[in-house]
Amino acid sequence: LEQKLRSMFQLDERSVFLSVSPLYHATGRFNIRVLECGGSCVIMRKFDAESALEAIAQHHITHGHWVPTMFSRLLALPREVRESHDVSSQRVALHATAPCPRHVKEAMINWWGPIINEYYGGSENVGVTYIDAADWLRHKGSVGKPICGEMHIMADDGSDTELAPGEIGLIYFNGGVGFQYHNDSEKTKSVFNRRGWGTYGDMGSIDSDGFLFMSDRRTDLIIAGGVNIYPQEAENVLHTHTAVEDVAVIGIPHEDYGQEVKAVVQLKAGYEPSDSLGHELIEFCRTQLSRIKCPRSVDFLDELPRSENGKLLKRVLRDSYAAKPATAAVPPA
């Protein structure tokens, strides 16, 4: 797998890798791959959008490993700032760890060119998928095809049934890298099904060409009145609203339905939280999705909780609402 990564991402002694994430993250892995090839690494102490552009220009960066939040912050820079830095030295810009809104990825490809490559996997390496910019533009929203392991979409009902293209289920791989959790055999067993195939706990579907499309993590699935709701669908829509900087859609406790869909939104500079804006966001979502998939309420935060590597911490948000069950689902006026 590591040899394949070095080859696919064109790593050699001329590579200059910009490390913008914590070294315990996947970026640490790519630092090692670059050094093995005789290349160089430029390590930022902390990510800052304009400083990253300065580093690309100053050190003639050829490779980088990014997360979608970083892309959003780069795109949020004033046009004159973005255009004042030469980024033409870049050959490969990898991204992973979290879903990337389509409009963000399209904007990055338009800016940096067809060098935006994406992969999906995990520390366990039960399987890895990959997609380059050209394939992504033909299959927008996909995270690619397997480069490690064979992929299967399984029913989430314990039946051990493999699903057809287009159906959403748990993503499993066979033939990936073997692993075990340290001193936790039970957790290791929980990753594998009866066939010995492993999963990260994510849900998705494949299209007729075999490209994987993510839906959500199993733990983020919202079940309202017995209906499965994948919050990423609403998040993808809300991300395109002009007022939205960041958004998380979660399930909060509801006495009748079990869970209710809520959007927690971080606004862009220049926008103020209000009931009317909350109603506007709900209606905006309903223009593109069925009502059951859309939030019934919207809260605003100054900043959404994210880890150092850019992952949205939905668990933190869910925990904050756990003791505050909604008693009624009131639609906007």
C-alpha atoms as a PDB file:
ATOM      1  CA  LEU A   1       0.000   0.000   0.000  1.00  0.00           C
ATOM      2  CA  GLU A   2       2.732   2.467   0.913  1.00  0.00           C
ATOM      3  CA  GLN A   3       4.611   1.754  -2.321  1.00  0.00           C
ATOM      4  CA  LYS A   4       1.390   2.329  -4.234  1.00  0.00           C
ATOM      5  CA  LEU A   5       0.866   5.659  -2.463  1.00  0.00           C
ATOM      6  CA  ARG A   6       4.367   6.848  -3.359  1.00  0.00           C
ATOM      7  CA  SER A   7       3.773   5.967  -7.000  1.00  0.00           C
ATOM      8  CA  MET A   8       0.222   7.309  -7.314  1.00  0.00           C
ATOM      9  CA  PHE A   9       1.023  10.649  -5.737  1.00  0.00           C
ATOM     10  CA  GLN A  10       4.212  11.156  -7.792  1.00  0.00           C
ATOM     11  CA  LEU A  11       6.539  11.362  -4.802  1.00  0.00           C
ATOM     12  CA  ASP A  12      10.266  11.587  -5.564  1.00  0.00           C
ATOM     13  CA  GLU A  13      13.422  13.434  -4.516  1.00  0.00           C
ATOM     14  CA  ARG A  14      12.057  16.661  -6.015  1.00  0.00           C
ATOM     15  CA  SER A  15       8.918  16.603  -3.874  1.00  0.00           C
ATOM     16  CA  VAL A  16       8.393  19.419  -1.366  1.00  0.00           C
ATOM     17  CA  PHE A  17       5.530  18.555   0.979  1.00  0.00           C
ATOM     18  CA  LEU A  18       3.608  21.190   2.947  1.00  0.00           C
ATOM     19  CA  SER A  19       2.435  19.748   6.265  1.00  0.00           C
ATOM     20  CA  VAL A  20      -0.552  21.782   7.461  1.00  0.00           C
ATOM     21  CA  SER A  21      -2.115  19.339   9.961  1.00  0.00           C
ATOM     22  CA  PRO A  22      -0.946  17.837  13.265  1.00  0.00           C
ATOM     23  CA  LEU A  23       1.803  15.256  12.769  1.00  0.00           C
ATOM     24  CA  TYR A  24      -0.212  12.499  14.471  1.00  0.00           C
ATOM     25  CA  HIS A  25      -2.735  12.871  11.658  1.00  0.00           C
ATOM     26  CA  ALA A  26      -2.477  11.312   8.166  1.00  0.00           C
ATOM     27  CA  THR A  27      -0.178  14.170   7.181  1.00  0.00           C
ATOM     28  CA  GLY A  28       2.507  12.497   9.331  1.00  0.00           C
ATOM     29  CA  ARG A  29       2.293   9.426   7.142  1.00  0.00           C
ATOM     30  CA  PHE A  30       2.888  11.482   4.009  1.00  0.00           C
ATOM     31  CA  ASN A  31       5.819  13.309   5.595  1.00  0.00           C
ATOM     32  CA  ILE A  32       7.487   9.912   5.999  1.00  0.00           C
ATOM     33  CA  ARG A  33       6.653   8.844   2.436  1.00  0.00           C
ATOM     34  CA  VAL A  34       8.234  12.048   1.080  1.00  0.00           C
ATOM     35  CA  LEU A  35      11.361  11.723   3.209  1.00  0.00           C
ATOM     36  CA  GLU A  36      11.803   8.109   2.106  1.00  0.00           C
ATOM     37  CA  CYS A  37      11.978   9.362  -1.476  1.00  0.00           C
ATOM     38  CA  GLY A  38      14.607  11.989  -0.631  1.00  0.00           C
ATOM     39  CA  GLY A  39      12.156  14.887  -0.774  1.00  0.00           C
ATOM     40  CA  SER A  40      11.666  17.772   1.660  1.00  0.00           C
ATOM     41  CA  CYS A  41       8.960  18.704   4.149  1.00  0.00           C
ATOM     42  CA  VAL A  42       7.811  22.147   5.243  1.00  0.00           C
ATOM     43  CA  ILE A  43       5.899  21.919   8.523  1.00  0.00           C
ATOM     44  CA  MET A  44       3.541  24.663   9.688  1.00  0.00           C
ATOM     45  CA  ARG A  45       3.174  24.991  13.444  1.00  0.00           C
ATOM     46  CA  LYS A  46      -0.505  25.859  12.967  1.00  0.00           C
ATOM     47  CA  PHE A  47      -2.683  26.226   9.915  1.00  0.00           C
ATOM     48  CA  ASP A  48      -3.404  29.717   8.688  1.00  0.00           C
ATOM     49  CA  ALA A  49      -4.843  30.233   5.222  1.00  0.00           C
ATOM     50  CA  GLU A  50      -2.709  33.133   4.034  1.00  0.00           C
ATOM     51  CA  SER A  51       0.444  31.717   5.654  1.00  0.00           C
ATOM     52  CA  ALA A  52      -0.157  28.464   3.765  1.00  0.00           C
ATOM     53  CA  LEU A  53      -0.271  30.355   0.457  1.00  0.00           C
ATOM     54  CA  GLU A  54       2.902  32.197   1.423  1.00  0.00           C
ATOM     55  CA  ALA A  55       4.608  28.871   2.174  1.00  0.00           C
ATOM     56  CA  ILE A  56       3.537  27.394  -1.176  1.00  0.00           C
ATOM     57  CA  ALA A  57       5.024  30.338  -3.036  1.00  0.00           C
ATOM     58  CA  GLN A  58       8.181  30.685  -0.930  1.00  0.00           C
ATOM     59  CA  HIS A  59       9.165  27.008  -0.812  1.00  0.00           C
ATOM     60  CA  HIS A  60       7.812  25.970  -4.242  1.00  0.00           C
ATOM     61  CA  ILE A  61       5.562  23.375  -2.643  1.00  0.00           C
ATOM     62  CA  THR A  62       4.703  20.425  -4.884  1.00  0.00           C
ATOM     63  CA  HIS A  63       2.479  18.376  -2.554  1.00  0.00           C
ATOM     64  CA  GLY A  64       0.108  18.974   0.336  1.00  0.00           C
ATOM     65  CA  HIS A  65      -2.457  17.141   2.438  1.00  0.00           C
ATOM     66  CA  TRP A  66      -5.560  19.180   3.238  1.00  0.00           C
ATOM     67  CA  VAL A  67      -8.959  18.898   4.884  1.00  0.00           C
ATOM     68  CA  PRO A  68     -12.128  20.555   3.506  1.00  0.00           C
ATOM     69  CA  THR A  69     -12.221  23.187   6.260  1.00  0.00           C
ATOM     70  CA  MET A  70      -8.830  24.420   5.081  1.00  0.00           C
ATOM     71  CA  PHE A  71     -10.103  24.678   1.516  1.00  0.00           C
ATOM     72  CA  SER A  72     -13.048  26.768   2.748  1.00  0.00           C
ATOM     73  CA  ARG A  73     -10.735  29.117   4.643  1.00  0.00           C
ATOM     74  CA  LEU A  74      -8.446  29.487   1.632  1.00  0.00           C
ATOM     75  CA  LEU A  75     -11.424  30.329  -0.579  1.00  0.00           C
ATOM     76  CA  ALA A  76     -12.684  32.829   2.002  1.00  0.00           C
ATOM     77  CA  LEU A  77      -9.555  34.967   1.566  1.00  0.00           C
ATOM     78  CA  PRO A  78     -10.043  38.147  -0.470  1.00  0.00           C
ATOM     79  CA  ARG A  79      -9.488  37.583  -4.184  1.00  0.00           C
ATOM     80  CA  GLU A  80      -6.531  39.971  -4.245  1.00  0.00           C
ATOM     81  CA  VAL A  81      -4.824  37.964  -1.492  1.00  0.00           C
ATOM     82  CA  ARG A  82      -5.384  34.646  -3.271  1.00  0.00           C
ATOM     83  CA  GLU A  83      -4.145  36.005  -6.578  1.00  0.00           C
ATOM     84  CA  SER A  84      -1.028  37.583  -5.056  1.00  0.00           C
ATOM     85  CA  HIS A  85       0.597  34.196  -4.284  1.00  0.00           C
ATOM     86  CA  ASP A  86       2.061  31.893  -6.925  1.00  0.00           C
ATOM     87  CA  VAL A  87       0.741  28.357  -6.385  1.00  0.00           C
ATOM     88  CA  SER A  88       1.781  26.967  -9.779  1.00  0.00           C
ATOM     89  CA  SER A  89       4.532  24.747  -8.303  1.00  0.00           C
ATOM     90  CA  GLN A  90       1.911  22.339  -6.904  1.00  0.00           C
ATOM     91  CA  ARG A  91       1.565  18.916  -8.534  1.00  0.00           C
ATOM     92  CA  VAL A  92      -0.754  17.093  -6.098  1.00  0.00           C
ATOM     93  CA  ALA A  93      -3.127  18.462  -3.460  1.00  0.00           C
ATOM     94  CA  LEU A  94      -4.560  15.557  -1.456  1.00  0.00           C
ATOM     95  CA  HIS A  95      -7.605  15.885   0.745  1.00  0.00           C
ATOM     96  CA  ALA A  96      -9.453  13.524   3.072  1.00  0.00           C
ATOM     97  CA  THR A  97     -10.753  13.022   6.660  1.00  0.00           C
ATOM     98  CA  ALA A  98     -14.162  14.676   6.137  1.00  0.00           C
ATOM     99  CA  PRO A  99     -16.777  15.161   3.411  1.00  0.00           C
ATOM    100  CA  CYS A 100     -15.933  18.044   1.085  1.00  0.00           C
ATOM    101  CA  PRO A 101     -18.911  20.097  -0.152  1.00  0.00           C
ATOM    102  CA  ARG A 102     -19.118  19.876  -3.921  1.00  0.00           C
ATOM    103  CA  HIS A 103     -19.044  23.633  -4.509  1.00  0.00           C
ATOM    104  CA  VAL A 104     -15.885  23.915  -2.390  1.00  0.00           C
ATOM    105  CA  LYS A 105     -14.094  21.207  -4.346  1.00  0.00           C
ATOM    106  CA  GLU A 106     -15.202  22.650  -7.672  1.00  0.00           C
ATOM    107  CA  ALA A 107     -13.898  26.077  -6.620  1.00  0.00           C
ATOM    108  CA  MET A 108     -10.528  24.589  -5.608  1.00  0.00           C
ATOM    109  CA  ILE A 109     -10.199  22.749  -8.928  1.00  0.00           C
ATOM    110  CA  ASN A 110     -11.005  25.989 -10.756  1.00  0.00           C
ATOM    111  CA  TRP A 111      -8.328  27.788  -8.732  1.00  0.00           C
ATOM    112  CA  TRP A 112      -5.517  25.234  -8.430  1.00  0.00           C
ATOM    113  CA  GLY A 113      -6.315  23.152 -11.483  1.00  0.00           C
ATOM    114  CA  PRO A 114      -6.945  19.378 -11.828  1.00  0.00           C
ATOM    115  CA  ILE A 115      -4.488  18.486  -9.043  1.00  0.00           C
ATOM    116  CA  ILE A 116      -7.111  18.035  -6.298  1.00  0.00           C
ATOM    117  CA  ASN A 117      -7.041  14.329  -5.431  1.00  0.00           C
ATOM    118  CA  GLU A 118      -9.107  12.661  -2.715  1.00  0.00           C
ATOM    119  CA  TYR A 119      -8.942   9.427  -0.784  1.00  0.00           C
ATOM    120  CA  TYR A 120     -11.132   7.700   1.796  1.00  0.00           C
ATOM    121  CA  GLY A 121      -9.818   5.345   4.439  1.00  0.00           C
ATOM    122  CA  GLY A 122      -8.860   5.118   8.081  1.00  0.00           C
ATOM    123  CA  SER A 123      -6.002   4.357  10.428  1.00  0.00           C
ATOM    124  CA  GLU A 124      -6.963   0.669  10.392  1.00  0.00           C
ATOM    125  CA  ASN A 125      -6.454   0.426   6.598  1.00  0.00           C
ATOM    126  CA  VAL A 126      -9.224  -2.141   6.154  1.00  0.00           C
ATOM    127  CA  GLY A 127      -9.656  -0.502   2.758  1.00  0.00           C
ATOM    128  CA  VAL A 128      -8.753   2.694   0.884  1.00  0.00           C
ATOM    129  CA  THR A 129     -10.428   4.406  -2.075  1.00  0.00           C
ATOM    130  CA  TYR A 130      -9.008   7.121  -4.312  1.00  0.00           C
ATOM    131  CA  ILE A 131     -10.243   9.547  -6.968  1.00  0.00           C
ATOM    132  CA  ASP A 132      -8.408  12.132  -9.044  1.00  0.00           C
ATOM    133  CA  ALA A 133      -9.866  15.424 -10.251  1.00  0.00           C
ATOM    134  CA  ALA A 134     -10.739  14.140 -13.734  1.00  0.00           C
ATOM    135  CA  ASP A 135     -12.763  11.207 -12.406  1.00  0.00           C
ATOM    136  CA  TRP A 136     -14.359  13.383  -9.729  1.00  0.00           C
ATOM    137  CA  LEU A 137     -15.628  15.848 -12.342  1.00  0.00           C
ATOM    138  CA  ARG A 138     -17.301  12.886 -14.067  1.00  0.00           C
ATOM    139  CA  HIS A 139     -18.631  11.476 -10.763  1.00  0.00           C
ATOM    140  CA  LYS A 140     -19.118  14.585  -8.611  1.00  0.00           C
ATOM    141  CA  GLY A 141     -19.356  13.784  -4.925  1.00  0.00           C
ATOM    142  CA  SER A 142     -17.611  10.411  -5.157  1.00  0.00           C
ATOM    143  CA  VAL A 143     -14.615   9.370  -3.054  1.00  0.00           C
ATOM    144  CA  GLY A 144     -13.440   6.964  -5.743  1.00  0.00           C
ATOM    145  CA  LYS A 145     -12.675   3.306  -6.259  1.00  0.00           C
ATOM    146  CA  PRO A 146     -10.643   0.971  -4.019  1.00  0.00           C
ATOM    147  CA  ILE A 147      -6.854   0.997  -4.263  1.00  0.00           C
ATOM    148  CA  CYS A 148      -6.590  -1.300  -1.231  1.00  0.00           C
ATOM    149  CA  GLY A 149      -9.148  -4.041  -0.629  1.00  0.00           C
ATOM    150  CA  GLU A 150     -12.382  -4.910  -2.426  1.00  0.00           C
ATOM    151  CA  MET A 151     -15.499  -2.911  -1.582  1.00  0.00           C
ATOM    152  CA  HIS A 152     -18.967  -4.157  -0.597  1.00  0.00           C
ATOM    153  CA  ILE A 153     -22.147  -2.318   0.441  1.00  0.00           C
ATOM    154  CA  MET A 154     -23.975  -4.346   3.077  1.00  0.00           C
ATOM    155  CA  ALA A 155     -27.502  -4.073   4.493  1.00  0.00           C
ATOM    156  CA  ASP A 156     -27.598  -2.449   7.932  1.00  0.00           C
ATOM    157  CA  ASP A 157     -30.001  -5.011   9.365  1.00  0.00           C
ATOM    158  CA  GLY A 158     -27.674  -7.821  10.408  1.00  0.00           C
ATOM    159  CA  SER A 159     -28.756  -9.974   7.457  1.00  0.00           C
ATOM    160  CA  ASP A 160     -25.309 -10.150   5.818  1.00  0.00           C
ATOM    161  CA  THR A 161     -26.936  -9.095   2.536  1.00  0.00           C
ATOM    162  CA  GLU A 162     -24.866  -7.319  -0.113  1.00  0.00           C
ATOM    163  CA  LEU A 163     -26.742  -4.444  -1.736  1.00  0.00           C
ATOM    164  CA  ALA A 164     -27.031  -3.458  -5.383  1.00  0.00           C
ATOM    165  CA  PRO A 165     -25.583  -0.250  -6.895  1.00  0.00           C
ATOM    166  CA  GLY A 166     -27.469   2.837  -5.762  1.00  0.00           C
ATOM    167  CA  GLU A 167     -28.622   1.339  -2.444  1.00  0.00           C
ATOM    168  CA  ILE A 168     -27.248   2.838   0.786  1.00  0.00           C
ATOM    169  CA  GLY A 169     -25.681   0.537   3.346  1.00  0.00           C
ATOM    170  CA  LEU A 170     -22.590  -0.058   5.464  1.00  0.00           C
ATOM    171  CA  ILE A 171     -19.296   0.101   3.564  1.00  0.00           C
ATOM    172  CA  TYR A 172     -17.151  -3.022   3.998  1.00  0.00           C
ATOM    173  CA  PHE A 173     -13.813  -4.081   2.532  1.00  0.00           C
ATOM    174  CA  ASN A 174     -12.100  -7.420   2.200  1.00  0.00           C
ATOM    175  CA  GLY A 175      -8.437  -7.941   1.396  1.00  0.00           C
ATOM    176  CA  GLY A 176      -7.197  -4.781   3.129  1.00  0.00           C
ATOM    177  CA  VAL A 177      -4.323  -4.478   5.584  1.00  0.00           C
ATOM    178  CA  GLY A 178      -4.653  -6.714   8.661  1.00  0.00           C
ATOM    179  CA  PHE A 179      -4.742  -5.000  12.051  1.00  0.00           C
ATOM    180  CA  GLN A 180      -5.867  -5.280  15.646  1.00  0.00           C
ATOM    181  CA  TYR A 181      -6.678  -2.710  18.313  1.00  0.00           C
ATOM    182  CA  HIS A 182      -4.144  -2.677  21.132  1.00  0.00           C
ATOM    183  CA  ASN A 183      -5.361  -4.786  24.059  1.00  0.00           C
ATOM    184  CA  ASP A 184      -8.962  -4.717  22.788  1.00  0.00           C
ATOM    185  CA  SER A 185      -9.909  -7.936  21.021  1.00  0.00           C
ATOM    186  CA  GLU A 186     -13.651  -7.235  21.355  1.00  0.00           C
ATOM    187  CA  LYS A 187     -13.360  -3.912  19.555  1.00  0.00           C
ATOM    188  CA  THR A 188     -11.280  -5.596  16.855  1.00  0.00           C
ATOM    189  CA  LYS A 189     -14.010  -8.228  16.353  1.00  0.00           C
ATOM    190  CA  SER A 190     -16.671  -5.517  16.066  1.00  0.00           C
ATOM    191  CA  VAL A 191     -15.030  -4.164  12.906  1.00  0.00           C
ATOM    192  CA  PHE A 192     -15.505  -7.414  10.964  1.00  0.00           C
ATOM    193  CA  ASN A 193     -18.652  -9.201   9.785  1.00  0.00           C
ATOM    194  CA  ARG A 194     -19.217 -12.951   9.486  1.00  0.00           C
ATOM    195  CA  ARG A 195     -17.420 -13.023   6.153  1.00  0.00           C
ATOM    196  CA  GLY A 196     -14.330 -11.419   7.654  1.00  0.00           C
ATOM    197  CA  TRP A 197     -14.872  -8.112   5.871  1.00  0.00           C
ATOM    198  CA  GLY A 198     -13.990  -4.916   7.764  1.00  0.00           C
ATOM    199  CA  THR A 199     -15.744  -1.544   8.097  1.00  0.00           C
ATOM    200  CA  TYR A 200     -15.000   1.929   9.455  1.00  0.00           C
ATOM    201  CA  GLY A 201     -18.680   2.284  10.365  1.00  0.00           C
ATOM    202  CA  ASP A 202     -19.483   4.557   7.431  1.00  0.00           C
ATOM    203  CA  MET A 203     -22.479   4.309   5.140  1.00  0.00           C
ATOM    204  CA  GLY A 204     -22.657   4.892   1.409  1.00  0.00           C
ATOM    205  CA  SER A 205     -23.502   3.525  -2.008  1.00  0.00           C
ATOM    206  CA  ILE A 206     -21.729   2.736  -5.258  1.00  0.00           C
ATOM    207  CA  ASP A 207     -22.826   3.807  -8.728  1.00  0.00           C
ATOM    208  CA  SER A 208     -22.993   1.586 -11.801  1.00  0.00           C
ATOM    209  CA  ASP A 209     -19.313   2.344 -12.547  1.00  0.00           C
ATOM    210  CA  GLY A 210     -18.170   1.219  -9.102  1.00  0.00           C
ATOM    211  CA  PHE A 211     -17.485   4.681  -7.631  1.00  0.00           C
ATOM    212  CA  LEU A 212     -18.235   5.105  -3.918  1.00  0.00           C
ATOM    213  CA  PHE A 213     -20.485   7.882  -2.605  1.00  0.00           C
ATOM    214  CA  MET A 214     -20.494   8.522   1.133  1.00  0.00           C
ATOM    215  CA  SER A 215     -23.725   9.038   3.049  1.00  0.00           C
ATOM    216  CA  ASP A 216     -22.693   9.350   6.705  1.00  0.00           C
ATOM    217  CA  ARG A 217     -21.190   7.575   9.651  1.00  0.00           C
ATOM    218  CA  ARG A 218     -23.534   5.011  11.180  1.00  0.00           C
ATOM    219  CA  THR A 219     -23.289   6.898  14.481  1.00  0.00           C
ATOM    220  CA  ASP A 220     -24.448  10.142  12.784  1.00  0.00           C
ATOM    221  CA  LEU A 221     -27.559   8.566  11.257  1.00  0.00           C
ATOM    222  CA  ILE A 222     -30.770  10.260  12.419  1.00  0.00           C
ATOM    223  CA  ILE A 223     -33.859   8.108  12.931  1.00  0.00           C
ATOM    224  CA  ALA A 224     -36.996  10.248  13.172  1.00  0.00           C
ATOM    225  CA  GLY A 225     -40.314   8.438  13.409  1.00  0.00           C
ATOM    226  CA  GLY A 226     -38.668   5.270  12.123  1.00  0.00           C
ATOM    227  CA  VAL A 227     -37.238   6.995   9.016  1.00  0.00           C
ATOM    228  CA  ASN A 228     -33.474   6.908   8.355  1.00  0.00           C
ATOM    229  CA  ILE A 229     -32.114  10.393   7.614  1.00  0.00           C
ATOM    230  CA  TYR A 230     -28.547  10.998   6.430  1.00  0.00           C
ATOM    231  CA  PRO A 231     -27.524  14.453   7.717  1.00  0.00           C
ATOM    232  CA  GLN A 232     -24.837  14.954   5.087  1.00  0.00           C
ATOM    233  CA  GLU A 233     -27.556  15.503   2.476  1.00  0.00           C
ATOM    234  CA  ALA A 234     -28.895  18.571   4.302  1.00  0.00           C
ATOM    235  CA  GLU A 235     -25.371  19.741   5.146  1.00  0.00           C
ATOM    236  CA  ASN A 236     -24.406  19.665   1.469  1.00  0.00           C
ATOM    237  CA  VAL A 237     -27.377  21.889   0.629  1.00  0.00           C
ATOM    238  CA  LEU A 238     -26.900  24.343   3.498  1.00  0.00           C
ATOM    239  CA  HIS A 239     -23.197  24.732   2.696  1.00  0.00           C
ATOM    240  CA  THR A 240     -24.234  26.394  -0.584  1.00  0.00           C
ATOM    241  CA  HIS A 241     -26.245  29.154   1.135  1.00  0.00           C
ATOM    242  CA  THR A 242     -24.482  32.506   0.950  1.00  0.00           C
ATOM    243  CA  ALA A 243     -24.751  33.090   4.714  1.00  0.00           C
ATOM    244  CA  VAL A 244     -23.317  29.756   5.853  1.00  0.00           C
ATOM    245  CA  GLU A 245     -19.662  29.399   6.805  1.00  0.00           C
ATOM    246  CA  ASP A 246     -19.973  25.973   8.474  1.00  0.00           C
ATOM    247  CA  VAL A 247     -22.859  23.680   9.390  1.00  0.00           C
ATOM    248  CA  ALA A 248     -23.607  20.480  11.271  1.00  0.00           C
ATOM    249  CA  VAL A 249     -26.913  18.633  11.032  1.00  0.00           C
ATOM    250  CA  ILE A 250     -27.618  16.395  14.014  1.00  0.00           C
ATOM    251  CA  GLY A 251     -30.438  14.458  15.598  1.00  0.00           C
ATOM    252  CA  ILE A 252     -31.688  15.803  18.909  1.00  0.00           C
ATOM    253  CA  PRO A 253     -34.029  13.958  21.322  1.00  0.00           C
ATOM    254  CA  HIS A 254     -37.759  14.209  20.618  1.00  0.00           C
ATOM    255  CA  GLU A 255     -40.431  12.712  22.886  1.00  0.00           C
ATOM    256  CA  ASP A 256     -42.689  11.511  20.047  1.00  0.00           C
ATOM    257  CA  TYR A 257     -40.391  10.858  17.081  1.00  0.00           C
ATOM    258  CA  GLY A 258     -37.282   9.690  18.926  1.00  0.00           C
ATOM    259  CA  GLN A 259     -35.136  12.264  17.165  1.00  0.00           C
ATOM    260  CA  GLU A 260     -35.655  15.583  15.418  1.00  0.00           C
ATOM    261  CA  VAL A 261     -33.390  17.083  12.744  1.00  0.00           C
ATOM    262  CA  LYS A 262     -31.542  20.231  13.834  1.00  0.00           C
ATOM    263  CA  ALA A 263     -29.012  22.377  11.970  1.00  0.00           C
ATOM    264  CA  VAL A 264     -26.268  24.122  13.935  1.00  0.00           C
ATOM    265  CA  VAL A 265     -24.832  26.907  11.799  1.00  0.00           C
ATOM    266  CA  GLN A 266     -21.750  29.121  11.872  1.00  0.00           C
ATOM    267  CA  LEU A 267     -22.419  32.253   9.837  1.00  0.00           C
ATOM    268  CA  LYS A 268     -20.081  34.106   7.529  1.00  0.00           C
ATOM    269  CA  ALA A 269     -18.827  37.534   8.532  1.00  0.00           C
ATOM    270  CA  GLY A 270     -21.471  40.185   7.956  1.00  0.00           C
ATOM    271  CA  TYR A 271     -24.456  37.984   8.826  1.00  0.00           C
ATOM    272  CA  GLU A 272     -26.294  38.060  12.154  1.00  0.00           C
ATOM    273  CA  PRO A 273     -28.270  35.219  13.775  1.00  0.00           C
ATOM    274  CA  SER A 274     -32.038  35.689  13.686  1.00  0.00           C
ATOM    275  CA  ASP A 275     -35.239  33.677  13.638  1.00  0.00           C
ATOM    276  CA  SER A 276     -35.954  34.922  10.129  1.00  0.00           C
ATOM    277  CA  LEU A 277     -32.569  33.685   8.872  1.00  0.00           C
ATOM    278  CA  GLY A 278     -33.186  30.332  10.549  1.00  0.00           C
ATOM    279  CA  HIS A 279     -36.533  30.028   8.743  1.00  0.00           C
ATOM    280  CA  GLU A 280     -34.845  31.061   5.495  1.00  0.00           C
ATOM    281  CA  LEU A 281     -32.253  28.293   5.842  1.00  0.00           C
ATOM    282  CA  ILE A 282     -34.963  25.677   6.487  1.00  0.00           C
ATOM    283  CA  GLU A 283     -36.937  26.797   3.429  1.00  0.00           C
ATOM    284  CA  PHE A 284     -33.749  26.880   1.342  1.00  0.00           C
ATOM    285  CA  CYS A 285     -33.108  23.276   2.281  1.00  0.00           C
ATOM    286  CA  ARG A 286     -36.682  22.298   1.435  1.00  0.00           C
ATOM    287  CA  THR A 287     -36.304  23.611  -2.105  1.00  0.00           C
ATOM    288  CA  GLN A 288     -33.814  20.818  -2.790  1.00  0.00           C
ATOM    289  CA  LEU A 289     -34.707  17.985  -0.408  1.00  0.00           C
ATOM    290  CA  SER A 290     -37.857  16.376   0.929  1.00  0.00           C
ATOM    291  CA  ARG A 291     -39.153  17.944   4.155  1.00  0.00           C
ATOM    292  CA  ILE A 292     -38.321  14.884   6.260  1.00  0.00           C
ATOM    293  CA  LYS A 293     -34.602  15.300   5.450  1.00  0.00           C
ATOM    294  CA  CYS A 294     -34.508  18.991   6.337  1.00  0.00           C
ATOM    295  CA  PRO A 295     -33.941  20.571   9.758  1.00  0.00           C
ATOM    296  CA  ARG A 296     -36.982  21.545  11.775  1.00  0.00           C
ATOM    297  CA  SER A 297     -34.967  24.085  13.737  1.00  0.00           C
ATOM    298  CA  VAL A 298     -31.727  26.050  13.409  1.00  0.00           C
ATOM    299  CA  ASP A 299     -29.322  27.189  16.108  1.00  0.00           C
ATOM    300  CA  PHE A 300     -26.341  29.476  15.577  1.00  0.00           C
ATOM    301  CA  LEU A 301     -22.849  29.211  17.087  1.00  0.00           C
ATOM    302  CA  ASP A 302     -19.850  31.505  16.721  1.00  0.00           C
ATOM    303  CA  GLU A 303     -17.767  28.466  15.763  1.00  0.00           C
ATOM    304  CA  LEU A 304     -18.503  24.762  15.372  1.00  0.00           C
ATOM    305  CA  PRO A 305     -16.374  22.321  17.388  1.00  0.00           C
ATOM    306  CA  ARG A 306     -13.662  20.734  15.247  1.00  0.00           C
ATOM    307  CA  SER A 307     -10.575  18.697  16.087  1.00  0.00           C
ATOM    308  CA  GLU A 308      -7.078  19.914  15.234  1.00  0.00           C
ATOM    309  CA  ASN A 309      -7.207  17.898  12.018  1.00  0.00           C
ATOM    310  CA  GLY A 310     -10.458  19.536  10.907  1.00  0.00           C
ATOM    311  CA  LYS A 311     -12.987  16.827  11.768  1.00  0.00           C
ATOM    312  CA  LEU A 312     -16.373  18.068  12.874  1.00  0.00           C
ATOM    313  CA  LEU A 313     -17.082  16.896  16.433  1.00  0.00           C
ATOM    314  CA  LYS A 314     -20.771  16.079  16.160  1.00  0.00           C
ATOM    315  CA  ARG A 315     -20.614  14.077  19.373  1.00  0.00           C
ATOM    316  CA  VAL A 316     -19.872  17.306  21.273  1.00  0.00           C
ATOM    317  CA  LEU A 317     -22.919  18.961  19.718  1.00  0.00           C
ATOM    318  CA  ARG A 318     -25.190  15.969  20.353  1.00  0.00           C
ATOM    319  CA  ASP A 319     -24.076  15.790  23.980  1.00  0.00           C
ATOM    320  CA  SER A 320     -24.967  19.456  24.477  1.00  0.00           C
ATOM    321  CA  TYR A 321     -28.568  18.735  23.433  1.00  0.00           C
ATOM    322  CA  ALA A 322     -28.925  15.336  25.106  1.00  0.00           C
ATOM    323  CA  ALA A 323     -30.630  16.709  28.204  1.00  0.00           C
ATOM    324  CA  LYS A 324     -32.899  19.120  26.327  1.00  0.00           C
ATOM    325  CA  PRO A 325     -35.548  17.057  24.453  1.00  0.00           C
ATOM    326  CA  ALA A 326     -37.781  18.978  22.056  1.00  0.00           C
ATOM    327  CA  THR A 327     -41.474  18.486  22.804  1.00  0.00           C
ATOM    328  CA  ALA A 328     -42.871  19.620  19.456  1.00  0.00           C
ATOM    329  CA  ALA A 329     -41.698  19.890  15.882  1.00  0.00           C
ATOM    330  CA  VAL A 330     -42.889  23.357  14.928  1.00  0.00           C
ATOM    331  CA  PRO A 331     -42.411  24.263  11.260  1.00  0.00           C
ATOM    332  CA  PRO A 332     -41.238  27.764  10.385  1.00  0.00           C
ATOM    333  CA  ALA A 333     -43.818  30.455   9.705  1.00  0.00           C
END
